[in-house]
């Protein structure tokens, strides 16, 4: 009990040093909510209130959390930006892969999430809540542009970013956005006869089209005749918006019904396939936040802004648990919490179990940030 209370005080002071521009009372409730999620392993406020080591009644704590979620003066973006900058500070001069993927949360809302791929998981770095059944105020690319701009402002110097998007989102808007931000991109193209991409192949010998420049374009998927085949080369795509030159990688694994058509601004080949495979890590993270973790899809929140504030605390808890899981792996104590013959637990679940074990043995788990006096900035405690 005392150890948990001590950790809560340390975590609160930690966030206050990170967020000097946010009111102290709001930061305190953010600390309660994020840490309570880790202890309760749920986003349900009643369970969180029961897990917190406070002397007040659980109903009083639950009402306090509800008031925080309903507080329109709580700045979600303004609170998350300095935290994100501290988390990404150690990623300078590194290759970063960002994956954009929409996911339904409840029957009412959909989350547009931009995630950073870290150790076969994707950790959210920016998000936006949109209606699930109603028309959106803006198109998808407008929301994606805002999310990317937020992340770009938090990136450390020297970071090399690759944006990965799936079918249905490939467009000239993605190319223009990445060019403005100085990012790279990998887009999967559709093979549907109505929505599929038509391209013009560029000759490798002279840098011009094969044959007559005015000849009709061909469907990109016809460049690979069948399963087990691959093709790489330079093409021109998006003829309706003015032909754009890019590198095309086509692979058709035998176990898949359709080929992968990957368009990028960098050299085609296996590296582009590896970058696109990172998109599958998003599904594992969604499972950690939903059925296998915090049960986010069971939320009864009907207000979009309240869900956005809930996501702020949840994302903060996800990052902390993931960093603790990394420490478990690097310390060589994974077998203490997981099966020795196979890996059943994700880094998120390992981190939560290690935190619980440390508190049961009167030890404080490491906090996810630390303060560097020399450069006067807040950075993540561990390397990725």
Protein backbone atom coordinates (compact mmCIF):
# COMPACT_ATOMS: atom_id res chain seq x y z
CA UNK A 1 0.00 0.00 0.00
CA UNK A 2 2.72 2.47 0.96
CA UNK A 3 4.84 1.54 -2.05
CA UNK A 4 1.93 2.12 -4.43
CA UNK A 5 1.18 5.44 -2.80
CA UNK A 6 4.82 6.44 -3.06
CA UNK A 7 4.87 5.53 -6.75
CA UNK A 8 1.74 7.59 -7.31
CA UNK A 9 3.37 10.63 -5.68
CA UNK A 10 6.56 10.16 -7.70
CA UNK A 11 4.61 9.79 -10.93
CA UNK A 12 2.58 12.92 -10.18
CA UNK A 13 5.69 15.00 -9.51
CA UNK A 14 7.24 13.53 -12.64
CA UNK A 15 4.35 14.67 -14.84
CA UNK A 16 4.28 18.09 -13.19
CA UNK A 17 7.91 18.64 -14.19
CA UNK A 18 7.08 17.52 -17.73
CA UNK A 19 3.98 19.72 -18.02
CA UNK A 20 4.70 23.06 -16.38
CA UNK A 21 2.12 24.80 -18.54
CA UNK A 22 -0.82 22.61 -17.46
CA UNK A 23 -2.74 23.25 -14.24
CA UNK A 24 -1.51 21.14 -11.34
CA UNK A 25 -4.95 19.73 -10.55
CA UNK A 26 -5.37 18.46 -14.11
CA UNK A 27 -1.92 16.88 -14.11
CA UNK A 28 -2.69 15.11 -10.83
CA UNK A 29 -5.81 13.48 -12.27
CA UNK A 30 -3.89 12.50 -15.40
CA UNK A 31 -1.38 10.75 -13.16
CA UNK A 32 -4.20 9.01 -11.28
CA UNK A 33 -5.92 7.86 -14.44
CA UNK A 34 -2.86 6.63 -16.35
CA UNK A 35 -1.35 4.76 -13.41
CA UNK A 36 -4.73 3.44 -12.34
CA UNK A 37 -5.18 1.95 -15.82
CA UNK A 38 -1.97 -0.02 -15.42
CA UNK A 39 -2.99 -1.35 -12.03
CA UNK A 40 -6.59 -2.13 -12.96
CA UNK A 41 -5.68 -3.28 -16.51
CA UNK A 42 -8.89 -1.65 -17.64
CA UNK A 43 -10.31 1.69 -18.76
CA UNK A 44 -13.42 1.31 -16.57
CA UNK A 45 -13.37 4.14 -14.05
CA UNK A 46 -14.90 2.04 -11.28
CA UNK A 47 -12.10 -0.53 -11.46
CA UNK A 48 -9.49 2.21 -11.69
CA UNK A 49 -10.85 3.87 -8.56
CA UNK A 50 -10.70 0.56 -6.68
CA UNK A 51 -7.08 0.00 -7.76
CA UNK A 52 -5.82 3.40 -6.60
CA UNK A 53 -4.36 3.51 -3.05
CA UNK A 54 -6.30 6.57 -1.90
CA UNK A 55 -7.90 7.17 1.48
CA UNK A 56 -11.11 8.61 0.01
CA UNK A 57 -14.05 6.49 -1.05
CA UNK A 58 -13.94 4.82 -4.45
CA UNK A 59 -17.08 6.63 -5.59
CA UNK A 60 -15.46 9.96 -4.82
CA UNK A 61 -12.41 9.01 -6.88
CA UNK A 62 -14.59 7.82 -9.73
CA UNK A 63 -16.48 11.12 -9.79
CA UNK A 64 -13.19 12.98 -9.81
CA UNK A 65 -12.05 11.01 -12.86
CA UNK A 66 -15.36 11.64 -14.63
CA UNK A 67 -15.09 15.38 -14.04
CA UNK A 68 -11.60 15.32 -15.56
CA UNK A 69 -12.86 13.53 -18.67
CA UNK A 70 -15.69 16.06 -18.99
CA UNK A 71 -13.43 19.08 -18.49
CA UNK A 72 -13.35 21.01 -21.77
CA UNK A 73 -10.40 23.06 -20.53
CA UNK A 74 -8.13 19.99 -20.48
CA UNK A 75 -5.82 20.44 -23.53
CA UNK A 76 -5.19 17.02 -25.05
CA UNK A 77 -2.84 18.04 -27.86
CA UNK A 78 -1.05 20.64 -25.75
CA UNK A 79 -0.51 18.06 -23.02
CA UNK A 80 0.65 15.25 -25.26
CA UNK A 81 3.10 17.26 -27.40
CA UNK A 82 5.78 17.78 -24.70
CA UNK A 83 5.39 14.18 -23.58
CA UNK A 84 5.84 12.96 -27.14
CA UNK A 85 8.91 15.11 -27.61
CA UNK A 86 10.45 13.55 -24.51
CA UNK A 87 9.61 10.03 -25.69
CA UNK A 88 11.11 10.57 -29.12
CA UNK A 89 14.18 12.47 -27.97
CA UNK A 90 16.38 9.36 -28.07
CA UNK A 91 15.40 8.58 -31.65
CA UNK A 92 17.68 11.17 -33.20
CA UNK A 93 19.69 9.98 -36.23
CA UNK A 94 17.58 6.82 -36.50
CA UNK A 95 15.21 5.32 -39.04
CA UNK A 96 11.62 5.52 -37.81
CA UNK A 97 8.61 3.78 -39.33
CA UNK A 98 5.21 5.40 -38.78
CA UNK A 99 2.03 3.51 -39.64
CA UNK A 100 -1.31 5.19 -40.22
CA UNK A 101 -4.36 3.03 -39.65
CA UNK A 102 -8.00 3.79 -38.76
CA UNK A 103 -9.67 1.45 -36.28
CA UNK A 104 -13.22 1.39 -34.87
CA UNK A 105 -13.34 1.79 -31.10
CA UNK A 106 -17.04 1.67 -30.34
CA UNK A 107 -20.19 1.70 -32.44
CA UNK A 108 -20.03 5.49 -32.38
CA UNK A 109 -16.41 6.40 -33.04
CA UNK A 110 -13.33 5.53 -35.10
CA UNK A 111 -9.76 6.25 -34.12
CA UNK A 112 -7.33 7.60 -36.70
CA UNK A 113 -4.00 6.57 -35.22
CA UNK A 114 -0.45 7.35 -36.33
CA UNK A 115 1.85 4.86 -34.58
CA UNK A 116 5.59 4.34 -34.20
CA UNK A 117 6.81 0.79 -34.81
CA UNK A 118 8.93 -0.41 -31.87
CA UNK A 119 9.87 -4.05 -31.28
CA UNK A 120 7.00 -5.62 -33.23
CA UNK A 121 4.49 -3.29 -31.65
CA UNK A 122 3.17 0.08 -32.73
CA UNK A 123 2.92 2.79 -30.08
CA UNK A 124 0.56 5.70 -30.80
CA UNK A 125 2.26 9.05 -31.35
CA UNK A 126 -0.79 10.99 -32.60
CA UNK A 127 -4.49 10.26 -32.92
CA UNK A 128 -7.83 11.81 -33.73
CA UNK A 129 -11.37 10.67 -32.90
CA UNK A 130 -13.93 10.82 -35.71
CA UNK A 131 -17.56 9.65 -35.90
CA UNK A 132 -18.03 6.01 -36.77
CA UNK A 133 -21.38 6.23 -38.56
CA UNK A 134 -21.67 9.90 -39.52
CA UNK A 135 -19.94 11.88 -42.23
CA UNK A 136 -16.55 13.28 -41.26
CA UNK A 137 -15.93 17.00 -41.26
CA UNK A 138 -12.78 16.60 -43.38
CA UNK A 139 -11.35 13.89 -45.61
CA UNK A 140 -8.89 11.26 -44.36
CA UNK A 141 -5.85 12.96 -45.88
CA UNK A 142 -6.62 16.22 -44.05
CA UNK A 143 -6.65 14.41 -40.72
CA UNK A 144 -3.49 12.52 -41.62
CA UNK A 145 -1.74 15.75 -42.55
CA UNK A 146 -2.52 17.24 -39.13
CA UNK A 147 -1.28 14.16 -37.32
CA UNK A 148 1.95 14.08 -39.30
CA UNK A 149 2.60 17.75 -38.67
CA UNK A 150 2.21 17.23 -34.92
CA UNK A 151 4.69 14.37 -34.96
CA UNK A 152 7.11 16.27 -37.17
CA UNK A 153 7.27 19.09 -34.60
CA UNK A 154 8.24 16.57 -31.90
CA UNK A 155 10.91 14.70 -33.89
CA UNK A 156 14.53 14.96 -32.75
CA UNK A 157 17.22 16.13 -35.18
CA UNK A 158 18.40 13.57 -37.70
CA UNK A 159 15.37 11.27 -37.51
CA UNK A 160 14.59 9.60 -40.86
CA UNK A 161 10.86 8.87 -41.07
CA UNK A 162 9.04 6.46 -43.37
CA UNK A 163 5.25 6.71 -43.51
CA UNK A 164 3.38 3.46 -44.27
CA UNK A 165 -0.23 3.54 -45.47
CA UNK A 166 -2.48 0.74 -46.66
CA UNK A 167 -4.78 0.29 -49.64
CA UNK A 168 -7.47 2.89 -50.06
CA UNK A 169 -5.23 5.69 -48.76
CA UNK A 170 -2.60 5.74 -51.50
CA UNK A 171 -2.81 9.07 -53.28
CA UNK A 172 -0.87 12.05 -54.55
CA UNK A 173 -1.71 13.79 -51.28
CA UNK A 174 0.54 11.33 -49.42
CA UNK A 175 3.42 12.02 -51.79
CA UNK A 176 3.03 15.79 -51.48
CA UNK A 177 2.78 15.57 -47.68
CA UNK A 178 5.95 13.50 -47.34
CA UNK A 179 7.84 15.77 -49.69
CA UNK A 180 6.93 18.82 -47.62
CA UNK A 181 7.94 17.14 -44.37
CA UNK A 182 11.07 15.52 -45.76
CA UNK A 183 9.75 12.02 -45.06
CA UNK A 184 9.76 8.83 -47.11
CA UNK A 185 6.66 6.81 -47.89
CA UNK A 186 5.53 3.26 -48.65
CA UNK A 187 2.01 2.89 -50.04
CA UNK A 188 0.24 -0.31 -50.92
CA UNK A 189 -1.78 -0.08 -54.10
CA UNK A 190 -5.08 -1.78 -54.74
CA UNK A 191 -5.39 -4.61 -57.29
CA UNK A 192 -9.12 -4.10 -57.76
CA UNK A 193 -10.11 -3.71 -61.40
CA UNK A 194 -12.06 -0.51 -60.67
CA UNK A 195 -9.78 1.10 -58.06
CA UNK A 196 -6.45 -0.43 -59.04
CA UNK A 197 -3.48 1.68 -60.11
CA UNK A 198 -2.37 2.00 -63.71
CA UNK A 199 1.31 2.79 -64.30
CA UNK A 200 3.78 3.50 -67.07
CA UNK A 201 7.05 1.59 -66.83
CA UNK A 202 10.25 3.61 -67.08
CA UNK A 203 13.15 2.09 -68.99
CA UNK A 204 16.16 1.43 -66.80
CA UNK A 205 18.48 2.09 -69.74
CA UNK A 206 17.58 5.62 -70.69
CA UNK A 207 15.20 6.75 -67.95
CA UNK A 208 12.30 7.06 -70.38
CA UNK A 209 9.14 5.08 -70.99
CA UNK A 210 9.41 1.76 -72.75
CA UNK A 211 8.25 2.47 -76.27
CA UNK A 212 6.04 5.37 -77.21
CA UNK A 213 5.43 7.89 -74.44
CA UNK A 214 1.81 8.27 -75.53
CA UNK A 215 0.98 4.61 -75.28
CA UNK A 216 -1.73 3.63 -72.76
CA UNK A 217 -0.74 2.78 -69.21
CA UNK A 218 -1.08 -0.77 -67.94
CA UNK A 219 -2.54 -2.16 -64.69
CA UNK A 220 0.27 -2.47 -62.17
CA UNK A 221 -0.76 -5.97 -61.08
CA UNK A 222 -0.20 -7.33 -64.60
CA UNK A 223 3.56 -6.91 -64.14
CA UNK A 224 3.54 -10.09 -62.01
CA UNK A 225 2.01 -13.10 -63.80
CA UNK A 226 1.32 -15.33 -60.79
CA UNK A 227 2.12 -16.48 -57.27
CA UNK A 228 5.73 -16.75 -56.24
CA UNK A 229 6.79 -14.00 -58.65
CA UNK A 230 8.16 -10.52 -58.02
CA UNK A 231 8.95 -7.35 -59.95
CA UNK A 232 10.82 -4.15 -59.14
CA UNK A 233 11.37 -1.05 -61.17
CA UNK A 234 10.72 2.63 -61.77
CA UNK A 235 7.25 3.67 -62.88
CA UNK A 236 5.04 6.70 -63.30
CA UNK A 237 1.72 6.61 -61.44
CA UNK A 238 -1.32 8.78 -60.66
CA UNK A 239 -1.94 9.81 -64.24
CA UNK A 240 -5.12 11.70 -63.36
CA UNK A 241 -3.15 14.12 -61.19
CA UNK A 242 -0.09 14.39 -63.39
CA UNK A 243 2.30 11.47 -63.67
CA UNK A 244 4.51 11.05 -60.59
CA UNK A 245 7.69 9.01 -60.79
CA UNK A 246 8.22 6.45 -58.02
CA UNK A 247 9.69 3.03 -57.30
CA UNK A 248 7.36 0.03 -57.50
CA UNK A 249 7.89 -3.26 -55.67
CA UNK A 250 5.55 -6.15 -56.44
CA UNK A 251 5.70 -9.44 -54.55
CA UNK A 252 3.17 -12.25 -54.62
CA UNK A 253 3.78 -14.75 -51.80
CA UNK A 254 2.33 -18.16 -52.54
CA UNK A 255 0.22 -18.15 -49.37
CA UNK A 256 -1.57 -14.90 -50.29
CA UNK A 257 -4.52 -14.53 -52.64
CA UNK A 258 -3.35 -11.16 -53.98
CA UNK A 259 0.05 -9.60 -54.68
CA UNK A 260 1.55 -6.70 -52.74
CA UNK A 261 2.02 -3.59 -54.86
CA UNK A 262 4.21 -1.19 -52.90
CA UNK A 263 4.94 2.30 -54.16
CA UNK A 264 7.77 4.27 -52.59
CA UNK A 265 10.15 7.15 -53.17
CA UNK A 266 13.15 4.96 -52.33
CA UNK A 267 14.75 2.11 -54.25
CA UNK A 268 12.41 -0.84 -54.79
CA UNK A 269 13.29 -4.16 -53.22
CA UNK A 270 13.09 -6.26 -50.03
CA UNK A 271 13.58 -3.24 -47.77
CA UNK A 272 10.24 -1.80 -48.88
CA UNK A 273 8.54 -5.12 -48.21
CA UNK A 274 10.03 -5.19 -44.71
CA UNK A 275 8.77 -1.67 -44.03
CA UNK A 276 5.28 -2.52 -45.14
CA UNK A 277 5.22 -5.66 -43.00
CA UNK A 278 5.53 -3.35 -39.99
CA UNK A 279 1.90 -2.45 -40.55
CA UNK A 280 0.86 -5.85 -39.14
CA UNK A 281 2.22 -4.79 -35.75
CA UNK A 282 -0.68 -2.35 -35.46
CA UNK A 283 -3.14 -5.21 -35.03
CA UNK A 284 -1.20 -6.61 -32.06
CA UNK A 285 -1.26 -3.23 -30.34
CA UNK A 286 -4.99 -2.86 -30.93
CA UNK A 287 -5.47 -6.25 -29.28
CA UNK A 288 -3.43 -5.04 -26.29
CA UNK A 289 -5.71 -2.02 -25.91
CA UNK A 290 -8.93 -3.93 -26.50
CA UNK A 291 -9.79 -7.56 -25.73
CA UNK A 292 -6.37 -8.67 -24.45
CA UNK A 293 -5.63 -5.54 -22.47
CA UNK A 294 -7.59 -2.50 -21.37
CA UNK A 295 -10.96 -3.43 -22.93
CA UNK A 296 -11.25 -0.11 -24.75
CA UNK A 297 -14.03 -1.27 -27.09
CA UNK A 298 -16.32 -1.82 -24.06
CA UNK A 299 -16.20 1.87 -23.18
CA UNK A 300 -19.61 3.51 -22.75
CA UNK A 301 -18.35 7.01 -23.46
CA UNK A 302 -20.68 8.78 -25.87
CA UNK A 303 -18.84 12.09 -26.14
CA UNK A 304 -15.99 12.36 -28.63
CA UNK A 305 -13.96 14.83 -26.55
CA UNK A 306 -14.18 12.63 -23.47
CA UNK A 307 -12.92 9.67 -25.48
CA UNK A 308 -10.04 11.81 -26.69
CA UNK A 309 -9.03 12.62 -23.11
CA UNK A 310 -9.34 8.97 -22.16
CA UNK A 311 -6.98 8.13 -25.01
CA UNK A 312 -4.42 10.58 -23.61
CA UNK A 313 -4.16 8.62 -20.37
CA UNK A 314 -4.32 5.27 -22.16
CA UNK A 315 -1.51 6.10 -24.59
CA UNK A 316 0.65 7.29 -21.72
CA UNK A 317 0.01 3.99 -19.90
CA UNK A 318 0.83 2.02 -23.06
CA UNK A 319 4.20 3.70 -23.48
CA UNK A 320 5.11 3.15 -19.83
CA UNK A 321 4.14 -0.52 -19.85
CA UNK A 322 6.00 -1.11 -23.10
CA UNK A 323 9.18 0.48 -21.75
CA UNK A 324 8.94 -1.69 -18.64
CA UNK A 325 8.57 -4.74 -20.87
CA UNK A 326 11.74 -3.76 -22.70
CA UNK A 327 13.58 -3.58 -19.39
CA UNK A 328 12.37 -7.10 -18.56
CA UNK A 329 13.85 -8.45 -21.81
CA UNK A 330 17.17 -6.64 -21.46
CA UNK A 331 17.53 -7.64 -17.83
CA UNK A 332 17.18 -11.32 -18.74
CA UNK A 333 14.27 -11.97 -16.36
CA UNK A 334 11.61 -12.82 -18.90
CA UNK A 335 11.38 -16.44 -17.75
CA UNK A 336 10.28 -15.19 -14.35
CA UNK A 337 7.03 -13.97 -15.89
CA UNK A 338 6.62 -15.91 -19.15
CA UNK A 339 6.83 -19.52 -20.26
CA UNK A 340 10.41 -20.70 -20.88
CA UNK A 341 9.62 -22.78 -23.97
CA UNK A 342 7.71 -20.10 -25.91
CA UNK A 343 6.74 -16.45 -25.75
CA UNK A 344 3.12 -15.98 -24.74
CA UNK A 345 3.24 -12.47 -23.27
CA UNK A 346 3.74 -9.25 -25.18
CA UNK A 347 6.04 -6.51 -23.95
CA UNK A 348 3.00 -4.66 -22.68
CA UNK A 349 1.84 -7.55 -20.50
CA UNK A 350 5.38 -8.26 -19.35
CA UNK A 351 5.73 -4.65 -18.27
CA UNK A 352 2.49 -4.74 -16.28
CA UNK A 353 3.47 -7.99 -14.56
CA UNK A 354 6.90 -6.67 -13.68
CA UNK A 355 5.39 -3.52 -12.20
CA UNK A 356 3.04 -5.62 -10.10
CA UNK A 357 5.92 -7.83 -8.92
CA UNK A 358 8.07 -4.84 -7.97
CA UNK A 359 5.28 -3.24 -5.96
CA UNK A 360 4.48 -6.51 -4.18
CA UNK A 361 8.14 -6.66 -3.10
CA UNK A 362 8.24 -3.00 -2.02
CA UNK A 363 10.28 -1.77 -4.98
CA UNK A 364 9.47 1.21 -7.16
CA UNK A 365 9.39 0.57 -10.93
CA UNK A 366 11.37 2.94 -13.15
CA UNK A 367 9.57 6.00 -14.47
CA UNK A 368 9.46 6.51 -18.24
CA UNK A 369 11.18 9.91 -18.26
CA UNK A 370 14.12 11.61 -16.68
CA UNK A 371 15.38 15.17 -16.57
CA UNK A 372 18.71 16.16 -18.11
CA UNK A 373 20.10 19.31 -16.56
CA UNK A 374 22.72 19.96 -19.24
CA UNK A 375 20.39 20.33 -22.21
CA UNK A 376 17.36 21.36 -20.13
CA UNK A 377 15.00 18.93 -21.82
CA UNK A 378 13.01 15.88 -20.82
CA UNK A 379 13.87 12.59 -22.44
CA UNK A 380 12.88 8.98 -22.32
CA UNK A 381 14.82 6.97 -19.79
CA UNK A 382 15.55 3.94 -21.99
CA UNK A 383 16.82 3.41 -25.48
CA UNK A 384 14.58 1.64 -27.98
